[in-house]
Amino acid sequence: MGFGSYDESEQQHQTQDTEDDEDAAVNVHEHEYEGSISVETGGSTDDLLGQLQDIKENNADDE
């Protein structure tokens, strides 16, 4: 057999089992959540960026 060729007998004897595929369906509503989420950072963007810079500098010093 060359590149890209296949055994036609294998192709003819294939069957598709659709019952297993139906059981494996994803239920997108299985883990629904009703509520609200709020996040309070407690700092300004400049403060948070400063903290991030400090973390990066400390990690660079450790390496």
PDB file of N, CA and C in Angstrom:
ATOM      1  N   MET A   1       0.838  -1.189   0.000  1.00  0.00           N
ATOM      2  CA  MET A   1       0.000   0.000   0.000  1.00  0.00           C
ATOM      3  C   MET A   1       0.877   1.244   0.000  1.00  0.00           C
ATOM      4  N   GLY A   2       0.489   2.193  -0.764  1.00  0.00           N
ATOM      5  CA  GLY A   2       1.229   3.434  -0.817  1.00  0.00           C
ATOM      6  C   GLY A   2       0.631   4.462   0.123  1.00  0.00           C
ATOM      7  N   PHE A   3       1.234   5.591   0.130  1.00  0.00           N
ATOM      8  CA  PHE A   3       0.766   6.682   0.972  1.00  0.00           C
ATOM      9  C   PHE A   3      -0.648   7.092   0.567  1.00  0.00           C
ATOM     10  N   GLY A   4      -1.557   7.170   1.543  1.00  0.00           N
ATOM     11  CA  GLY A   4      -2.911   7.621   1.271  1.00  0.00           C
ATOM     12  C   GLY A   4      -3.843   6.518   0.827  1.00  0.00           C
ATOM     13  N   SER A   5      -3.351   5.308   0.645  1.00  0.00           N
ATOM     14  CA  SER A   5      -4.233   4.227   0.241  1.00  0.00           C
ATOM     15  C   SER A   5      -4.808   3.545   1.481  1.00  0.00           C
ATOM     16  N   TYR A   6      -5.869   2.804   1.297  1.00  0.00           N
ATOM     17  CA  TYR A   6      -6.493   2.123   2.418  1.00  0.00           C
ATOM     18  C   TYR A   6      -7.121   0.834   1.929  1.00  0.00           C
ATOM     19  N   ASP A   7      -7.429  -0.032   2.860  1.00  0.00           N
ATOM     20  CA  ASP A   7      -8.053  -1.301   2.545  1.00  0.00           C
ATOM     21  C   ASP A   7      -9.557  -1.072   2.442  1.00  0.00           C
ATOM     22  N   GLU A   8     -10.107  -1.209   1.259  1.00  0.00           N
ATOM     23  CA  GLU A   8     -11.536  -0.930   1.052  1.00  0.00           C
ATOM     24  C   GLU A   8     -12.418  -1.862   1.859  1.00  0.00           C
ATOM     25  N   SER A   9     -11.965  -3.089   2.106  1.00  0.00           N
ATOM     26  CA  SER A   9     -12.790  -4.021   2.871  1.00  0.00           C
ATOM     27  C   SER A   9     -13.002  -3.512   4.298  1.00  0.00           C
ATOM     28  N   GLU A  10     -12.021  -2.844   4.860  1.00  0.00           N
ATOM     29  CA  GLU A  10     -12.185  -2.273   6.192  1.00  0.00           C
ATOM     30  C   GLU A  10     -13.242  -1.172   6.192  1.00  0.00           C
ATOM     31  N   GLN A  11     -13.271  -0.388   5.139  1.00  0.00           N
ATOM     32  CA  GLN A  11     -14.234   0.700   5.044  1.00  0.00           C
ATOM     33  C   GLN A  11     -15.660   0.173   4.886  1.00  0.00           C
ATOM     34  N   GLN A  12     -15.819  -0.945   4.198  1.00  0.00           N
ATOM     35  CA  GLN A  12     -17.144  -1.493   3.949  1.00  0.00           C
ATOM     36  C   GLN A  12     -17.751  -2.125   5.193  1.00  0.00           C
ATOM     37  N   HIS A  13     -16.933  -2.613   6.100  1.00  0.00           N
ATOM     38  CA  HIS A  13     -17.434  -3.341   7.266  1.00  0.00           C
ATOM     39  C   HIS A  13     -17.575  -2.463   8.508  1.00  0.00           C
ATOM     40  N   GLN A  14     -17.356  -1.199   8.360  1.00  0.00           N
ATOM     41  CA  GLN A  14     -17.497  -0.319   9.520  1.00  0.00           C
ATOM     42  C   GLN A  14     -18.964  -0.033   9.773  1.00  0.00           C
ATOM     43  N   THR A  15     -19.330  -0.038  11.047  1.00  0.00           N
ATOM     44  CA  THR A  15     -20.691   0.348  11.436  1.00  0.00           C
ATOM     45  C   THR A  15     -20.574   1.474  12.437  1.00  0.00           C
ATOM     46  N   GLN A  16     -21.555   2.320  12.420  1.00  0.00           N
ATOM     47  CA  GLN A  16     -21.547   3.424  13.376  1.00  0.00           C
ATOM     48  C   GLN A  16     -22.523   3.107  14.484  1.00  0.00           C
ATOM     49  N   ASP A  17     -22.047   3.201  15.698  1.00  0.00           N
ATOM     50  CA  ASP A  17     -22.875   2.943  16.866  1.00  0.00           C
ATOM     51  C   ASP A  17     -23.350   4.286  17.405  1.00  0.00           C
ATOM     52  N   THR A  18     -24.530   4.696  17.002  1.00  0.00           N
ATOM     53  CA  THR A  18     -25.025   6.020  17.391  1.00  0.00           C
ATOM     54  C   THR A  18     -25.606   6.036  18.789  1.00  0.00           C
ATOM     55  N   GLU A  19     -25.945   4.868  19.346  1.00  0.00           N
ATOM     56  CA  GLU A  19     -26.519   4.837  20.685  1.00  0.00           C
ATOM     57  C   GLU A  19     -25.512   5.314  21.725  1.00  0.00           C
ATOM     58  N   ASP A  20     -24.258   4.908  21.600  1.00  0.00           N
ATOM     59  CA  ASP A  20     -23.235   5.347  22.550  1.00  0.00           C
ATOM     60  C   ASP A  20     -23.002   6.843  22.443  1.00  0.00           C
ATOM     61  N   ASP A  21     -23.045   7.379  21.230  1.00  0.00           N
ATOM     62  CA  ASP A  21     -22.833   8.815  21.040  1.00  0.00           C
ATOM     63  C   ASP A  21     -23.945   9.627  21.694  1.00  0.00           C
ATOM     64  N   GLU A  22     -25.163   9.131  21.636  1.00  0.00           N
ATOM     65  CA  GLU A  22     -26.278   9.853  22.239  1.00  0.00           C
ATOM     66  C   GLU A  22     -26.162   9.872  23.760  1.00  0.00           C
ATOM     67  N   ASP A  23     -25.663   8.789  24.359  1.00  0.00           N
ATOM     68  CA  ASP A  23     -25.500   8.731  25.813  1.00  0.00           C
ATOM     69  C   ASP A  23     -24.387   9.650  26.291  1.00  0.00           C
ATOM     70  N   ALA A  24     -23.430   9.940  25.417  1.00  0.00           N
ATOM     71  CA  ALA A  24     -22.273  10.751  25.796  1.00  0.00           C
ATOM     72  C   ALA A  24     -22.519  12.239  25.596  1.00  0.00           C
ATOM     73  N   ALA A  25     -23.741  12.639  25.308  1.00  0.00           N
ATOM     74  CA  ALA A  25     -24.038  14.050  25.077  1.00  0.00           C
ATOM     75  C   ALA A  25     -23.792  14.869  26.345  1.00  0.00           C
ATOM     76  N   VAL A  26     -23.407  16.101  26.164  1.00  0.00           N
ATOM     77  CA  VAL A  26     -23.116  16.988  27.276  1.00  0.00           C
ATOM     78  C   VAL A  26     -24.378  17.739  27.673  1.00  0.00           C
ATOM     79  N   ASN A  27     -24.679  17.713  28.948  1.00  0.00           N
ATOM     80  CA  ASN A  27     -25.824  18.458  29.460  1.00  0.00           C
ATOM     81  C   ASN A  27     -25.309  19.795  29.973  1.00  0.00           C
ATOM     82  N   VAL A  28     -25.561  20.858  29.235  1.00  0.00           N
ATOM     83  CA  VAL A  28     -25.035  22.169  29.604  1.00  0.00           C
ATOM     84  C   VAL A  28     -25.768  22.776  30.788  1.00  0.00           C
ATOM     85  N   HIS A  29     -26.892  22.212  31.163  1.00  0.00           N
ATOM     86  CA  HIS A  29     -27.673  22.753  32.278  1.00  0.00           C
ATOM     87  C   HIS A  29     -27.474  21.950  33.564  1.00  0.00           C
ATOM     88  N   GLU A  30     -26.527  21.028  33.568  1.00  0.00           N
ATOM     89  CA  GLU A  30     -26.327  20.156  34.716  1.00  0.00           C
ATOM     90  C   GLU A  30     -25.861  20.913  35.953  1.00  0.00           C
ATOM     91  N   HIS A  31     -25.004  21.915  35.788  1.00  0.00           N
ATOM     92  CA  HIS A  31     -24.442  22.632  36.930  1.00  0.00           C
ATOM     93  C   HIS A  31     -24.786  24.121  36.848  1.00  0.00           C
ATOM     94  N   GLU A  32     -26.041  24.424  36.701  1.00  0.00           N
ATOM     95  CA  GLU A  32     -26.438  25.827  36.625  1.00  0.00           C
ATOM     96  C   GLU A  32     -26.356  26.470  38.002  1.00  0.00           C
ATOM     97  N   TYR A  33     -26.076  27.752  38.020  1.00  0.00           N
ATOM     98  CA  TYR A  33     -25.953  28.509  39.250  1.00  0.00           C
ATOM     99  C   TYR A  33     -26.790  29.762  39.121  1.00  0.00           C
ATOM    100  N   GLU A  34     -27.624  29.979  40.101  1.00  0.00           N
ATOM    101  CA  GLU A  34     -28.421  31.194  40.114  1.00  0.00           C
ATOM    102  C   GLU A  34     -27.975  32.018  41.312  1.00  0.00           C
ATOM    103  N   GLY A  35     -27.461  33.184  41.064  1.00  0.00           N
ATOM    104  CA  GLY A  35     -26.981  34.044  42.128  1.00  0.00           C
ATOM    105  C   GLY A  35     -26.187  35.178  41.544  1.00  0.00           C
ATOM    106  N   SER A  36     -25.448  35.829  42.398  1.00  0.00           N
ATOM    107  CA  SER A  36     -24.628  36.939  41.925  1.00  0.00           C
ATOM    108  C   SER A  36     -23.237  36.832  42.528  1.00  0.00           C
ATOM    109  N   ILE A  37     -22.303  37.437  41.847  1.00  0.00           N
ATOM    110  CA  ILE A  37     -20.912  37.451  42.282  1.00  0.00           C
ATOM    111  C   ILE A  37     -20.440  38.893  42.254  1.00  0.00           C
ATOM    112  N   SER A  38     -19.767  39.295  43.305  1.00  0.00           N
ATOM    113  CA  SER A  38     -19.176  40.623  43.316  1.00  0.00           C
ATOM    114  C   SER A  38     -17.742  40.515  43.819  1.00  0.00           C
ATOM    115  N   VAL A  39     -16.901  41.371  43.277  1.00  0.00           N
ATOM    116  CA  VAL A  39     -15.489  41.364  43.641  1.00  0.00           C
ATOM    117  C   VAL A  39     -15.104  42.772  44.069  1.00  0.00           C
ATOM    118  N   GLU A  40     -14.533  42.854  45.245  1.00  0.00           N
ATOM    119  CA  GLU A  40     -14.049  44.139  45.740  1.00  0.00           C
ATOM    120  C   GLU A  40     -12.543  44.031  45.911  1.00  0.00           C
ATOM    121  N   THR A  41     -11.804  44.787  45.131  1.00  0.00           N
ATOM    122  CA  THR A  41     -10.351  44.678  45.174  1.00  0.00           C
ATOM    123  C   THR A  41      -9.755  45.433  46.351  1.00  0.00           C
ATOM    124  N   GLY A  42     -10.366  46.504  46.756  1.00  0.00           N
ATOM    125  CA  GLY A  42      -9.851  47.259  47.880  1.00  0.00           C
ATOM    126  C   GLY A  42      -8.656  48.129  47.530  1.00  0.00           C
ATOM    127  N   GLY A  43      -8.283  48.197  46.288  1.00  0.00           N
ATOM    128  CA  GLY A  43      -7.146  49.008  45.891  1.00  0.00           C
ATOM    129  C   GLY A  43      -7.351  49.589  44.508  1.00  0.00           C
ATOM    130  N   SER A  44      -6.642  50.637  44.241  1.00  0.00           N
ATOM    131  CA  SER A  44      -6.746  51.249  42.922  1.00  0.00           C
ATOM    132  C   SER A  44      -5.917  50.441  41.924  1.00  0.00           C
ATOM    133  N   THR A  45      -6.103  50.715  40.669  1.00  0.00           N
ATOM    134  CA  THR A  45      -5.346  50.034  39.626  1.00  0.00           C
ATOM    135  C   THR A  45      -3.855  50.284  39.793  1.00  0.00           C
ATOM    136  N   ASP A  46      -3.483  51.507  40.147  1.00  0.00           N
ATOM    137  CA  ASP A  46      -2.063  51.825  40.344  1.00  0.00           C
ATOM    138  C   ASP A  46      -1.479  51.022  41.504  1.00  0.00           C
ATOM    139  N   ASP A  47      -2.247  50.876  42.590  1.00  0.00           N
ATOM    140  CA  ASP A  47      -1.772  50.085  43.731  1.00  0.00           C
ATOM    141  C   ASP A  47      -1.555  48.624  43.340  1.00  0.00           C
ATOM    142  N   LEU A  48      -2.516  48.084  42.599  1.00  0.00           N
ATOM    143  CA  LEU A  48      -2.416  46.691  42.192  1.00  0.00           C
ATOM    144  C   LEU A  48      -1.258  46.465  41.227  1.00  0.00           C
ATOM    145  N   LEU A  49      -1.049  47.396  40.305  1.00  0.00           N
ATOM    146  CA  LEU A  49       0.085  47.277  39.384  1.00  0.00           C
ATOM    147  C   LEU A  49       1.408  47.381  40.134  1.00  0.00           C
ATOM    148  N   GLY A  50       1.457  48.211  41.157  1.00  0.00           N
ATOM    149  CA  GLY A  50       2.653  48.315  41.983  1.00  0.00           C
ATOM    150  C   GLY A  50       2.944  47.015  42.706  1.00  0.00           C
ATOM    151  N   GLN A  51       1.900  46.381  43.232  1.00  0.00           N
ATOM    152  CA  GLN A  51       2.081  45.089  43.902  1.00  0.00           C
ATOM    153  C   GLN A  51       2.567  44.027  42.926  1.00  0.00           C
ATOM    154  N   LEU A  52       2.010  44.048  41.712  1.00  0.00           N
ATOM    155  CA  LEU A  52       2.438  43.097  40.692  1.00  0.00           C
ATOM    156  C   LEU A  52       3.912  43.304  40.348  1.00  0.00           C
ATOM    157  N   GLN A  53       4.323  44.536  40.224  1.00  0.00           N
ATOM    158  CA  GLN A  53       5.731  44.835  39.918  1.00  0.00           C
ATOM    159  C   GLN A  53       6.637  44.342  41.045  1.00  0.00           C
ATOM    160  N   ASP A  54       6.212  44.532  42.298  1.00  0.00           N
ATOM    161  CA  ASP A  54       6.993  44.043  43.438  1.00  0.00           C
ATOM    162  C   ASP A  54       7.136  42.519  43.394  1.00  0.00           C
ATOM    163  N   ILE A  55       6.047  41.824  43.058  1.00  0.00           N
ATOM    164  CA  ILE A  55       6.086  40.365  42.973  1.00  0.00           C
ATOM    165  C   ILE A  55       7.050  39.937  41.876  1.00  0.00           C
ATOM    166  N   LYS A  56       6.980  40.572  40.726  1.00  0.00           N
ATOM    167  CA  LYS A  56       7.872  40.225  39.625  1.00  0.00           C
ATOM    168  C   LYS A  56       9.322  40.456  40.002  1.00  0.00           C
ATOM    169  N   GLU A  57       9.610  41.568  40.684  1.00  0.00           N
ATOM    170  CA  GLU A  57      10.983  41.863  41.097  1.00  0.00           C
ATOM    171  C   GLU A  57      11.482  40.834  42.101  1.00  0.00           C
ATOM    172  N   ASN A  58      10.618  40.425  43.036  1.00  0.00           N
ATOM    173  CA  ASN A  58      11.006  39.427  44.030  1.00  0.00           C
ATOM    174  C   ASN A  58      11.271  38.069  43.375  1.00  0.00           C
ATOM    175  N   ASN A  59      10.457  37.716  42.384  1.00  0.00           N
ATOM    176  CA  ASN A  59      10.669  36.448  41.677  1.00  0.00           C
ATOM    177  C   ASN A  59      11.956  36.492  40.861  1.00  0.00           C
ATOM    178  N   ALA A  60      12.283  37.618  40.280  1.00  0.00           N
ATOM    179  CA  ALA A  60      13.508  37.763  39.505  1.00  0.00           C
ATOM    180  C   ALA A  60      14.728  37.655  40.421  1.00  0.00           C
ATOM    181  N   ASP A  61      14.624  38.194  41.642  1.00  0.00           N
ATOM    182  CA  ASP A  61      15.727  38.122  42.598  1.00  0.00           C
ATOM    183  C   ASP A  61      15.955  36.685  43.086  1.00  0.00           C
ATOM    184  N   ASP A  62      14.871  35.914  43.179  1.00  0.00           N
ATOM    185  CA  ASP A  62      14.970  34.532  43.656  1.00  0.00           C
ATOM    186  C   ASP A  62      15.624  33.609  42.644  1.00  0.00           C
ATOM    187  N   GLU A  63      15.557  33.963  41.370  1.00  0.00           N
ATOM    188  CA  GLU A  63      16.103  33.087  40.319  1.00  0.00           C
ATOM    189  C   GLU A  63      17.533  33.340  40.155  1.00  0.00           C
TER     190      GLU A  63
END
